[in-house]
C-alpha atoms as a PDB file:
ATOM      1  CA  UNK A   1     -44.840 -47.676  75.433  1.00  0.00           C
ATOM      2  CA  UNK A   2     -44.066 -44.168  76.843  1.00  0.00           C
ATOM      3  CA  UNK A   3     -46.349 -41.887  78.781  1.00  0.00           C
ATOM      4  CA  UNK A   4     -48.942 -40.108  76.728  1.00  0.00           C
ATOM      5  CA  UNK A   5     -49.887 -36.452  77.269  1.00  0.00           C
ATOM      6  CA  UNK A   6     -53.023 -34.976  75.809  1.00  0.00           C
ATOM      7  CA  UNK A   7     -54.802 -31.721  76.046  1.00  0.00           C
ATOM      8  CA  UNK A   8     -58.523 -31.805  75.209  1.00  0.00           C
ATOM      9  CA  UNK A   9     -59.472 -29.772  72.113  1.00  0.00           C
ATOM     10  CA  UNK A  10     -62.863 -27.986  71.724  1.00  0.00           C
ATOM     11  CA  UNK A  11     -63.981 -30.532  69.163  1.00  0.00           C
ATOM     12  CA  UNK A  12     -63.484 -33.336  71.677  1.00  0.00           C
ATOM     13  CA  UNK A  13     -65.566 -31.806  74.372  1.00  0.00           C
ATOM     14  CA  UNK A  14     -68.050 -34.245  75.920  1.00  0.00           C
ATOM     15  CA  UNK A  15     -66.349 -37.576  74.742  1.00  0.00           C
ATOM     16  CA  UNK A  16     -66.038 -40.375  77.227  1.00  0.00           C
ATOM     17  CA  UNK A  17     -62.354 -40.463  78.289  1.00  0.00           C
ATOM     18  CA  UNK A  18     -62.034 -44.187  77.296  1.00  0.00           C
ATOM     19  CA  UNK A  19     -63.422 -43.538  73.875  1.00  0.00           C
ATOM     20  CA  UNK A  20     -61.096 -40.449  73.395  1.00  0.00           C
ATOM     21  CA  UNK A  21     -58.002 -42.273  74.435  1.00  0.00           C
ATOM     22  CA  UNK A  22     -58.910 -45.324  72.422  1.00  0.00           C
ATOM     23  CA  UNK A  23     -59.312 -43.295  69.146  1.00  0.00           C
ATOM     24  CA  UNK A  24     -56.269 -40.952  69.887  1.00  0.00           C
ATOM     25  CA  UNK A  25     -53.761 -43.602  70.495  1.00  0.00           C
ATOM     26  CA  UNK A  26     -55.095 -46.453  68.250  1.00  0.00           C
ATOM     27  CA  UNK A  27     -55.698 -48.758  71.322  1.00  0.00           C
ATOM     28  CA  UNK A  28     -58.609 -51.042  71.887  1.00  0.00           C
ATOM     29  CA  UNK A  29     -61.325 -49.504  74.229  1.00  0.00           C
ATOM     30  CA  UNK A  30     -61.104 -52.637  76.409  1.00  0.00           C
ATOM     31  CA  UNK A  31     -57.340 -51.967  76.951  1.00  0.00           C
ATOM     32  CA  UNK A  32     -57.917 -48.364  77.755  1.00  0.00           C
ATOM     33  CA  UNK A  33     -60.885 -49.070  80.108  1.00  0.00           C
ATOM     34  CA  UNK A  34     -58.744 -51.698  81.933  1.00  0.00           C
ATOM     35  CA  UNK A  35     -55.977 -49.175  82.349  1.00  0.00           C
ATOM     36  CA  UNK A  36     -58.251 -46.475  83.651  1.00  0.00           C
ATOM     37  CA  UNK A  37     -59.674 -48.845  86.235  1.00  0.00           C
ATOM     38  CA  UNK A  38     -55.995 -49.526  87.285  1.00  0.00           C
ATOM     39  CA  UNK A  39     -55.490 -45.916  87.938  1.00  0.00           C
ATOM     40  CA  UNK A  40     -53.211 -45.183  84.930  1.00  0.00           C
ATOM     41  CA  UNK A  41     -55.000 -42.247  83.680  1.00  0.00           C
ATOM     42  CA  UNK A  42     -54.995 -38.732  85.299  1.00  0.00           C
ATOM     43  CA  UNK A  43     -57.116 -35.818  84.369  1.00  0.00           C
ATOM     44  CA  UNK A  44     -55.842 -32.498  85.637  1.00  0.00           C
ATOM     45  CA  UNK A  45     -53.798 -34.466  88.234  1.00  0.00           C
ATOM     46  CA  UNK A  46     -56.626 -36.632  89.553  1.00  0.00           C
ATOM     47  CA  UNK A  47     -57.234 -40.328  88.837  1.00  0.00           C
ATOM     48  CA  UNK A  48     -59.904 -40.670  86.197  1.00  0.00           C
ATOM     49  CA  UNK A  49     -63.015 -42.817  85.977  1.00  0.00           C
ATOM     50  CA  UNK A  50     -63.783 -44.466  82.522  1.00  0.00           C
ATOM     51  CA  UNK A  51     -67.228 -42.890  82.623  1.00  0.00           C
ATOM     52  CA  UNK A  52     -65.692 -39.376  82.830  1.00  0.00           C
ATOM     53  CA  UNK A  53     -66.633 -37.037  80.073  1.00  0.00           C
ATOM     54  CA  UNK A  54     -63.803 -34.592  79.013  1.00  0.00           C
ATOM     55  CA  UNK A  55     -63.993 -30.780  78.812  1.00  0.00           C
ATOM     56  CA  UNK A  56     -62.003 -28.348  76.710  1.00  0.00           C
ATOM     57  CA  UNK A  57     -58.572 -27.762  78.204  1.00  0.00           C
ATOM     58  CA  UNK A  58     -58.416 -30.993  80.376  1.00  0.00           C
ATOM     59  CA  UNK A  59     -54.924 -32.167  80.678  1.00  0.00           C
ATOM     60  CA  UNK A  60     -54.719 -35.953  80.471  1.00  0.00           C
ATOM     61  CA  UNK A  61     -51.780 -38.125  81.481  1.00  0.00           C
ATOM     62  CA  UNK A  62     -51.912 -41.709  80.339  1.00  0.00           C
ATOM     63  CA  UNK A  63     -49.413 -44.470  81.366  1.00  0.00           C
ATOM     64  CA  UNK A  64     -50.546 -47.663  79.432  1.00  0.00           C
ATOM     65  CA  UNK A  65     -49.801 -50.840  81.254  1.00  0.00           C
ATOM     66  CA  UNK A  66     -47.627 -53.193  79.232  1.00  0.00           C
ATOM     67  CA  UNK A  67     -48.065 -56.866  79.826  1.00  0.00           C
ATOM     68  CA  UNK A  68     -44.950 -59.030  79.272  1.00  0.00           C
ATOM     69  CA  UNK A  69     -46.737 -61.647  77.322  1.00  0.00           C
ATOM     70  CA  UNK A  70     -49.776 -61.695  75.105  1.00  0.00           C
ATOM     71  CA  UNK A  71     -51.766 -64.934  74.510  1.00  0.00           C
ATOM     72  CA  UNK A  72     -51.755 -65.320  70.660  1.00  0.00           C
ATOM     73  CA  UNK A  73     -55.180 -66.918  71.023  1.00  0.00           C
ATOM     74  CA  UNK A  74     -56.574 -63.597  72.124  1.00  0.00           C
ATOM     75  CA  UNK A  75     -55.426 -61.929  68.910  1.00  0.00           C
ATOM     76  CA  UNK A  76     -57.467 -64.163  66.558  1.00  0.00           C
ATOM     77  CA  UNK A  77     -60.662 -63.108  64.626  1.00  0.00           C
ATOM     78  CA  UNK A  78     -62.288 -64.249  61.364  1.00  0.00           C
ATOM     79  CA  UNK A  79     -61.057 -62.346  58.455  1.00  0.00           C
ATOM     80  CA  UNK A  80     -62.683 -62.621  55.108  1.00  0.00           C
ATOM     81  CA  UNK A  81     -60.308 -63.824  52.390  1.00  0.00           C
ATOM     82  CA  UNK A  82     -60.775 -62.287  48.946  1.00  0.00           C
ATOM     83  CA  UNK A  83     -57.876 -64.177  47.258  1.00  0.00           C
ATOM     84  CA  UNK A  84     -55.088 -66.557  48.311  1.00  0.00           C
ATOM     85  CA  UNK A  85     -52.356 -68.605  46.610  1.00  0.00           C
ATOM     86  CA  UNK A  86     -48.910 -69.631  47.553  1.00  0.00           C
ATOM     87  CA  UNK A  87     -47.465 -66.140  47.145  1.00  0.00           C
ATOM     88  CA  UNK A  88     -50.125 -63.619  48.428  1.00  0.00           C
ATOM     89  CA  UNK A  89     -53.255 -63.400  50.468  1.00  0.00           C
ATOM     90  CA  UNK A  90     -55.784 -60.508  49.962  1.00  0.00           C
ATOM     91  CA  UNK A  91     -58.081 -59.802  52.851  1.00  0.00           C
ATOM     92  CA  UNK A  92     -61.047 -57.670  53.756  1.00  0.00           C
ATOM     93  CA  UNK A  93     -59.821 -56.241  56.938  1.00  0.00           C
ATOM     94  CA  UNK A  94     -62.654 -55.651  59.690  1.00  0.00           C
ATOM     95  CA  UNK A  95     -62.550 -52.561  61.774  1.00  0.00           C
ATOM     96  CA  UNK A  96     -60.964 -53.198  65.147  1.00  0.00           C
ATOM     97  CA  UNK A  97     -58.215 -55.435  63.834  1.00  0.00           C
ATOM     98  CA  UNK A  98     -54.536 -54.295  64.095  1.00  0.00           C
ATOM     99  CA  UNK A  99     -52.166 -55.380  61.248  1.00  0.00           C
ATOM    100  CA  UNK A 100     -49.712 -56.878  63.659  1.00  0.00           C
ATOM    101  CA  UNK A 101     -48.934 -57.127  67.273  1.00  0.00           C
ATOM    102  CA  UNK A 102     -47.365 -54.102  69.110  1.00  0.00           C
ATOM    103  CA  UNK A 103     -46.917 -53.005  72.750  1.00  0.00           C
ATOM    104  CA  UNK A 104     -50.222 -52.028  74.338  1.00  0.00           C
ATOM    105  CA  UNK A 105     -52.413 -53.761  71.758  1.00  0.00           C
ATOM    106  CA  UNK A 106     -54.392 -56.663  73.155  1.00  0.00           C
ATOM    107  CA  UNK A 107     -56.976 -57.069  70.373  1.00  0.00           C
ATOM    108  CA  UNK A 108     -56.909 -59.253  67.216  1.00  0.00           C
ATOM    109  CA  UNK A 109     -54.242 -58.961  64.610  1.00  0.00           C
ATOM    110  CA  UNK A 110     -54.127 -59.657  60.850  1.00  0.00           C
ATOM    111  CA  UNK A 111     -50.854 -61.757  61.260  1.00  0.00           C
ATOM    112  CA  UNK A 112     -52.166 -64.026  64.044  1.00  0.00           C
ATOM    113  CA  UNK A 113     -55.593 -64.511  62.413  1.00  0.00           C
ATOM    114  CA  UNK A 114     -54.197 -65.492  59.102  1.00  0.00           C
ATOM    115  CA  UNK A 115     -51.863 -68.022  60.971  1.00  0.00           C
ATOM    116  CA  UNK A 116     -55.009 -69.429  62.671  1.00  0.00           C
ATOM    117  CA  UNK A 117     -56.655 -69.851  59.333  1.00  0.00           C
ATOM    118  CA  UNK A 118     -53.658 -72.067  58.068  1.00  0.00           C
ATOM    119  CA  UNK A 119     -51.857 -69.355  55.938  1.00  0.00           C
ATOM    120  CA  UNK A 120     -48.035 -69.660  56.286  1.00  0.00           C
ATOM    121  CA  UNK A 121     -46.166 -66.415  55.982  1.00  0.00           C
ATOM    122  CA  UNK A 122     -42.470 -66.972  55.152  1.00  0.00           C
ATOM    123  CA  UNK A 123     -40.682 -63.736  54.570  1.00  0.00           C
ATOM    124  CA  UNK A 124     -37.884 -61.724  55.984  1.00  0.00           C
ATOM    125  CA  UNK A 125     -38.492 -58.955  58.570  1.00  0.00           C
ATOM    126  CA  UNK A 126     -39.428 -59.020  62.251  1.00  0.00           C
ATOM    127  CA  UNK A 127     -41.338 -62.066  63.146  1.00  0.00           C
ATOM    128  CA  UNK A 128     -44.494 -60.229  64.218  1.00  0.00           C
ATOM    129  CA  UNK A 129     -44.479 -58.279  60.928  1.00  0.00           C
ATOM    130  CA  UNK A 130     -43.642 -60.980  58.439  1.00  0.00           C
ATOM    131  CA  UNK A 131     -45.443 -60.519  55.193  1.00  0.00           C
ATOM    132  CA  UNK A 132     -46.634 -56.909  55.874  1.00  0.00           C
ATOM    133  CA  UNK A 133     -46.001 -54.532  53.034  1.00  0.00           C
ATOM    134  CA  UNK A 134     -48.608 -51.937  53.800  1.00  0.00           C
ATOM    135  CA  UNK A 135     -50.935 -51.170  56.641  1.00  0.00           C
ATOM    136  CA  UNK A 136     -54.493 -50.064  57.440  1.00  0.00           C
ATOM    137  CA  UNK A 137     -55.246 -48.236  60.784  1.00  0.00           C
ATOM    138  CA  UNK A 138     -57.129 -50.281  63.426  1.00  0.00           C
ATOM    139  CA  UNK A 139     -60.169 -48.003  62.812  1.00  0.00           C
ATOM    140  CA  UNK A 140     -60.000 -48.435  58.993  1.00  0.00           C
ATOM    141  CA  UNK A 141     -61.561 -51.401  57.193  1.00  0.00           C
ATOM    142  CA  UNK A 142     -61.136 -52.746  53.703  1.00  0.00           C
ATOM    143  CA  UNK A 143     -58.947 -54.426  51.239  1.00  0.00           C
ATOM    144  CA  UNK A 144     -55.347 -55.253  52.066  1.00  0.00           C
ATOM    145  CA  UNK A 145     -52.621 -57.653  50.760  1.00  0.00           C
ATOM    146  CA  UNK A 146     -50.108 -59.683  52.743  1.00  0.00           C
ATOM    147  CA  UNK A 147     -47.100 -61.444  51.215  1.00  0.00           C
ATOM    148  CA  UNK A 148     -46.785 -65.161  51.821  1.00  0.00           C
ATOM    149  CA  UNK A 149     -43.412 -65.741  50.063  1.00  0.00           C
ATOM    150  CA  UNK A 150     -40.135 -63.914  49.941  1.00  0.00           C
ATOM    151  CA  UNK A 151     -40.616 -63.406  46.147  1.00  0.00           C
ATOM    152  CA  UNK A 152     -43.994 -61.806  46.852  1.00  0.00           C
ATOM    153  CA  UNK A 153     -42.555 -59.809  49.833  1.00  0.00           C
ATOM    154  CA  UNK A 154     -39.856 -58.114  47.719  1.00  0.00           C
ATOM    155  CA  UNK A 155     -42.057 -57.637  44.661  1.00  0.00           C
ATOM    156  CA  UNK A 156     -44.835 -55.957  46.613  1.00  0.00           C
ATOM    157  CA  UNK A 157     -42.427 -53.718  48.491  1.00  0.00           C
ATOM    158  CA  UNK A 158     -41.021 -52.522  45.221  1.00  0.00           C
ATOM    159  CA  UNK A 159     -44.341 -51.960  43.791  1.00  0.00           C
ATOM    160  CA  UNK A 160     -45.431 -49.827  46.775  1.00  0.00           C
ATOM    161  CA  UNK A 161     -42.224 -48.002  46.732  1.00  0.00           C
ATOM    162  CA  UNK A 162     -42.443 -47.280  43.037  1.00  0.00           C
ATOM    163  CA  UNK A 163     -46.136 -46.194  43.487  1.00  0.00           C
ATOM    164  CA  UNK A 164     -47.457 -48.596  40.800  1.00  0.00           C
ATOM    165  CA  UNK A 165     -50.052 -50.076  43.237  1.00  0.00           C
ATOM    166  CA  UNK A 166     -53.450 -48.360  42.822  1.00  0.00           C
ATOM    167  CA  UNK A 167     -55.089 -47.688  46.156  1.00  0.00           C
ATOM    168  CA  UNK A 168     -58.719 -46.432  46.284  1.00  0.00           C
ATOM    169  CA  UNK A 169     -60.366 -45.331  49.417  1.00  0.00           C
ATOM    170  CA  UNK A 170     -63.913 -43.984  50.262  1.00  0.00           C
ATOM    171  CA  UNK A 171     -64.210 -41.432  53.007  1.00  0.00           C
ATOM    172  CA  UNK A 172     -67.193 -39.464  54.406  1.00  0.00           C
ATOM    173  CA  UNK A 173     -65.895 -36.064  55.369  1.00  0.00           C
ATOM    174  CA  UNK A 174     -67.522 -33.145  57.104  1.00  0.00           C
ATOM    175  CA  UNK A 175     -68.752 -30.384  54.811  1.00  0.00           C
ATOM    176  CA  UNK A 176     -68.046 -29.967  51.096  1.00  0.00           C
ATOM    177  CA  UNK A 177     -64.618 -29.653  49.651  1.00  0.00           C
ATOM    178  CA  UNK A 178     -64.177 -26.834  47.277  1.00  0.00           C
ATOM    179  CA  UNK A 179     -63.131 -27.689  44.610  1.00  0.00           C
ATOM    180  CA  UNK A 180     -65.174 -30.889  44.597  1.00  0.00           C
ATOM    181  CA  UNK A 181     -62.273 -32.576  42.871  1.00  0.00           C
ATOM    182  CA  UNK A 182     -58.646 -31.949  43.554  1.00  0.00           C
ATOM    183  CA  UNK A 183     -55.222 -32.897  44.737  1.00  0.00           C
ATOM    184  CA  UNK A 184     -53.563 -32.228  48.184  1.00  0.00           C
ATOM    185  CA  UNK A 185     -49.857 -32.259  47.885  1.00  0.00           C
ATOM    186  CA  UNK A 186     -48.612 -31.488  51.451  1.00  0.00           C
ATOM    187  CA  UNK A 187     -45.691 -33.038  53.325  1.00  0.00           C
ATOM    188  CA  UNK A 188     -46.553 -35.213  56.392  1.00  0.00           C
ATOM    189  CA  UNK A 189     -44.596 -35.993  59.434  1.00  0.00           C
ATOM    190  CA  UNK A 190     -44.983 -36.468  63.252  1.00  0.00           C
ATOM    191  CA  UNK A 191     -47.074 -33.813  64.877  1.00  0.00           C
ATOM    192  CA  UNK A 192     -44.514 -31.349  66.445  1.00  0.00           C
ATOM    193  CA  UNK A 193     -46.386 -31.175  69.864  1.00  0.00           C
ATOM    194  CA  UNK A 194     -48.379 -34.400  69.984  1.00  0.00           C
ATOM    195  CA  UNK A 195     -46.271 -37.172  68.870  1.00  0.00           C
ATOM    196  CA  UNK A 196     -48.955 -39.894  68.613  1.00  0.00           C
ATOM    197  CA  UNK A 197     -50.462 -37.743  65.705  1.00  0.00           C
ATOM    198  CA  UNK A 198     -49.324 -36.674  62.289  1.00  0.00           C
ATOM    199  CA  UNK A 199     -49.603 -33.372  60.699  1.00  0.00           C
ATOM    200  CA  UNK A 200     -48.779 -31.324  57.582  1.00  0.00           C
ATOM    201  CA  UNK A 201     -45.190 -30.224  58.396  1.00  0.00           C
ATOM    202  CA  UNK A 202     -42.615 -28.248  56.448  1.00  0.00           C
ATOM    203  CA  UNK A 203     -39.871 -30.684  55.504  1.00  0.00           C
ATOM    204  CA  UNK A 204     -41.971 -33.694  56.081  1.00  0.00           C
ATOM    205  CA  UNK A 205     -42.250 -36.747  53.741  1.00  0.00           C
ATOM    206  CA  UNK A 206     -43.684 -36.114  50.203  1.00  0.00           C
ATOM    207  CA  UNK A 207     -47.573 -36.870  50.502  1.00  0.00           C
ATOM    208  CA  UNK A 208     -49.999 -36.693  47.622  1.00  0.00           C
ATOM    209  CA  UNK A 209     -53.677 -37.397  47.815  1.00  0.00           C
ATOM    210  CA  UNK A 210     -56.219 -37.158  44.971  1.00  0.00           C
ATOM    211  CA  UNK A 211     -59.955 -36.801  45.882  1.00  0.00           C
ATOM    212  CA  UNK A 212     -63.185 -36.514  44.120  1.00  0.00           C
ATOM    213  CA  UNK A 213     -66.798 -35.989  45.489  1.00  0.00           C
ATOM    214  CA  UNK A 214     -69.015 -38.912  44.831  1.00  0.00           C
ATOM    215  CA  UNK A 215     -72.106 -37.732  46.678  1.00  0.00           C
ATOM    216  CA  UNK A 216     -72.888 -34.595  48.712  1.00  0.00           C
ATOM    217  CA  UNK A 217     -75.116 -34.537  51.772  1.00  0.00           C
ATOM    218  CA  UNK A 218     -76.319 -31.515  53.860  1.00  0.00           C
ATOM    219  CA  UNK A 219     -73.441 -31.595  56.164  1.00  0.00           C
ATOM    220  CA  UNK A 220     -70.952 -34.035  54.638  1.00  0.00           C
ATOM    221  CA  UNK A 221     -69.516 -35.418  51.409  1.00  0.00           C
ATOM    222  CA  UNK A 222     -68.627 -38.893  50.317  1.00  0.00           C
ATOM    223  CA  UNK A 223     -65.275 -38.887  48.604  1.00  0.00           C
ATOM    224  CA  UNK A 224     -63.386 -41.170  46.313  1.00  0.00           C
ATOM    225  CA  UNK A 225     -59.699 -40.901  47.334  1.00  0.00           C
ATOM    226  CA  UNK A 226     -56.688 -42.186  45.461  1.00  0.00           C
ATOM    227  CA  UNK A 227     -53.419 -42.265  47.305  1.00  0.00           C
ATOM    228  CA  UNK A 228     -50.185 -41.463  45.358  1.00  0.00           C
ATOM    229  CA  UNK A 229     -48.025 -42.085  48.468  1.00  0.00           C
ATOM    230  CA  UNK A 230     -48.821 -44.157  51.496  1.00  0.00           C
ATOM    231  CA  UNK A 231     -47.907 -42.121  54.688  1.00  0.00           C
ATOM    232  CA  UNK A 232     -49.352 -43.104  58.130  1.00  0.00           C
ATOM    233  CA  UNK A 233     -52.653 -41.445  58.618  1.00  0.00           C
ATOM    234  CA  UNK A 234     -52.313 -39.637  55.232  1.00  0.00           C
ATOM    235  CA  UNK A 235     -56.072 -39.394  54.314  1.00  0.00           C
ATOM    236  CA  UNK A 236     -57.031 -38.339  57.753  1.00  0.00           C
ATOM    237  CA  UNK A 237     -54.227 -35.648  58.072  1.00  0.00           C
ATOM    238  CA  UNK A 238     -54.785 -34.209  54.531  1.00  0.00           C
ATOM    239  CA  UNK A 239     -58.629 -34.035  55.043  1.00  0.00           C
ATOM    240  CA  UNK A 240     -58.184 -32.390  58.356  1.00  0.00           C
ATOM    241  CA  UNK A 241     -55.608 -29.965  56.840  1.00  0.00           C
ATOM    242  CA  UNK A 242     -58.257 -28.747  54.287  1.00  0.00           C
ATOM    243  CA  UNK A 243     -60.823 -28.418  57.140  1.00  0.00           C
ATOM    244  CA  UNK A 244     -62.800 -31.528  56.062  1.00  0.00           C
ATOM    245  CA  UNK A 245     -61.941 -34.250  58.608  1.00  0.00           C
ATOM    246  CA  UNK A 246     -63.261 -37.739  58.159  1.00  0.00           C
ATOM    247  CA  UNK A 247     -66.504 -38.007  60.015  1.00  0.00           C
ATOM    248  CA  UNK A 248     -65.984 -39.659  63.437  1.00  0.00           C
ATOM    249  CA  UNK A 249     -62.256 -39.014  63.456  1.00  0.00           C
ATOM    250  CA  UNK A 250     -62.139 -37.047  66.816  1.00  0.00           C
ATOM    251  CA  UNK A 251     -58.271 -37.509  66.795  1.00  0.00           C
ATOM    252  CA  UNK A 252     -58.117 -35.091  63.853  1.00  0.00           C
ATOM    253  CA  UNK A 253     -60.816 -32.654  64.738  1.00  0.00           C
ATOM    254  CA  UNK A 254     -64.092 -34.177  63.602  1.00  0.00           C
ATOM    255  CA  UNK A 255     -67.240 -33.062  65.387  1.00  0.00           C
ATOM    256  CA  UNK A 256     -68.175 -35.749  67.882  1.00  0.00           C
ATOM    257  CA  UNK A 257     -71.927 -34.745  67.731  1.00  0.00           C
ATOM    258  CA  UNK A 258     -72.200 -35.721  64.110  1.00  0.00           C
ATOM    259  CA  UNK A 259     -70.632 -39.095  64.853  1.00  0.00           C
ATOM    260  CA  UNK A 260     -73.123 -39.614  67.820  1.00  0.00           C
ATOM    261  CA  UNK A 261     -75.965 -38.730  65.406  1.00  0.00           C
ATOM    262  CA  UNK A 262     -74.809 -41.280  62.803  1.00  0.00           C
ATOM    263  CA  UNK A 263     -74.066 -43.910  65.687  1.00  0.00           C
ATOM    264  CA  UNK A 264     -70.425 -44.138  64.215  1.00  0.00           C
ATOM    265  CA  UNK A 265     -67.837 -45.282  66.559  1.00  0.00           C
ATOM    266  CA  UNK A 266     -64.754 -44.743  64.318  1.00  0.00           C
ATOM    267  CA  UNK A 267     -63.538 -42.691  61.414  1.00  0.00           C
ATOM    268  CA  UNK A 268     -65.574 -43.173  58.240  1.00  0.00           C
ATOM    269  CA  UNK A 269     -62.807 -44.512  55.954  1.00  0.00           C
ATOM    270  CA  UNK A 270     -62.779 -47.575  53.909  1.00  0.00           C
ATOM    271  CA  UNK A 271     -60.163 -49.060  51.627  1.00  0.00           C
ATOM    272  CA  UNK A 272     -62.432 -50.030  48.733  1.00  0.00           C
ATOM    273  CA  UNK A 273     -60.147 -51.105  45.822  1.00  0.00           C
ATOM    274  CA  UNK A 274     -56.500 -52.290  45.557  1.00  0.00           C
ATOM    275  CA  UNK A 275     -54.845 -52.966  42.108  1.00  0.00           C
ATOM    276  CA  UNK A 276     -51.410 -54.710  41.989  1.00  0.00           C
ATOM    277  CA  UNK A 277     -49.131 -56.849  39.758  1.00  0.00           C
ATOM    278  CA  UNK A 278     -49.059 -60.515  40.838  1.00  0.00           C
ATOM    279  CA  UNK A 279     -45.521 -61.072  42.031  1.00  0.00           C
ATOM    280  CA  UNK A 280     -45.178 -64.398  40.012  1.00  0.00           C
ATOM    281  CA  UNK A 281     -47.425 -64.205  36.994  1.00  0.00           C
ATOM    282  CA  UNK A 282     -47.086 -60.391  36.375  1.00  0.00           C
ATOM    283  CA  UNK A 283     -50.825 -60.173  35.758  1.00  0.00           C
ATOM    284  CA  UNK A 284     -52.506 -57.080  37.060  1.00  0.00           C
ATOM    285  CA  UNK A 285     -55.217 -57.964  39.702  1.00  0.00           C
ATOM    286  CA  UNK A 286     -57.870 -55.720  41.140  1.00  0.00           C
ATOM    287  CA  UNK A 287     -59.683 -56.487  44.371  1.00  0.00           C
ATOM    288  CA  UNK A 288     -62.692 -54.728  45.776  1.00  0.00           C
ATOM    289  CA  UNK A 289     -64.332 -54.421  49.282  1.00  0.00           C
ATOM    290  CA  UNK A 290     -67.862 -53.325  50.064  1.00  0.00           C
ATOM    291  CA  UNK A 291     -68.758 -51.147  53.049  1.00  0.00           C
ATOM    292  CA  UNK A 292     -69.187 -53.034  56.242  1.00  0.00           C
ATOM    293  CA  UNK A 293     -72.592 -52.605  58.109  1.00  0.00           C
ATOM    294  CA  UNK A 294     -71.531 -49.739  60.386  1.00  0.00           C
ATOM    295  CA  UNK A 295     -70.434 -47.403  57.465  1.00  0.00           C
ATOM    296  CA  UNK A 296     -73.524 -48.371  55.327  1.00  0.00           C
ATOM    297  CA  UNK A 297     -75.928 -47.594  58.205  1.00  0.00           C
ATOM    298  CA  UNK A 298     -74.259 -44.356  58.786  1.00  0.00           C
ATOM    299  CA  UNK A 299     -74.665 -43.390  55.177  1.00  0.00           C
ATOM    300  CA  UNK A 300     -78.383 -44.272  55.402  1.00  0.00           C
ATOM    301  CA  UNK A 301     -78.725 -42.157  58.446  1.00  0.00           C
ATOM    302  CA  UNK A 302     -77.149 -39.017  57.077  1.00  0.00           C
ATOM    303  CA  UNK A 303     -79.199 -39.397  53.776  1.00  0.00           C
ATOM    304  CA  UNK A 304     -82.510 -39.864  55.710  1.00  0.00           C
ATOM    305  CA  UNK A 305     -81.772 -37.007  58.152  1.00  0.00           C
ATOM    306  CA  UNK A 306     -81.767 -34.388  55.370  1.00  0.00           C
ATOM    307  CA  UNK A 307     -84.593 -35.562  53.108  1.00  0.00           C
END
């Protein structure tokens, strides 16, 4: 993992440095706090404390400490299973769980947790990514499919590539998109200055997001979102591009004060529905996931705050 450079934006003012780095770089807060204690984070050239609250313009240098070995037992958590057979397993991914192991990530992963539950994944690809045909961010919860057989792996890859998989998300965004129903067709690629982020970039990859307002609150809107493509951070980038970032998503410019008011510790984004064709039977199957407690409580809080 390379050195990370970050200049604090106005929207990030007042955040604890461990929370900011955790959300910005998709690392566990425990990992970041440990690195800060080890002196791996500098703010304006001085070693930072994890209790430090950042101010606009602060220049942060972060050198994550990479351990040569990760104990697989530390990567296991309980994952609700929505469906499983010899070809696929459909899960309800909790927040705080990475899809697979990667340098710098010491929290639980989907792949290790499924293995601990007795699900055998036998597909091609890198060992730590076997069966993975799509991803959800660490801070995004909801429904996700993993291939267990090579037949399923190839079939699902084709379905995602051909855009025949229906992917529905719900997102609480700041403000009120106008129009209340629309399509965002804007190419996405790495951010030109901050390579840990993504952005709408000329010449980037084709990216299409359809959205519709389900419910409007005084300072936010609950959207139903359908992805036509599946780029990294697509919903987060597209919502930020139209000035309506996901609530709690400080990485893409969300107001941290609203997240604090709602007691929300991550972006309000949930994969609520997934429809795919079963690789062996050819039958269309739809799977749904209800909101986890943190998202439900934040919705209740924003509704009650403006009665």
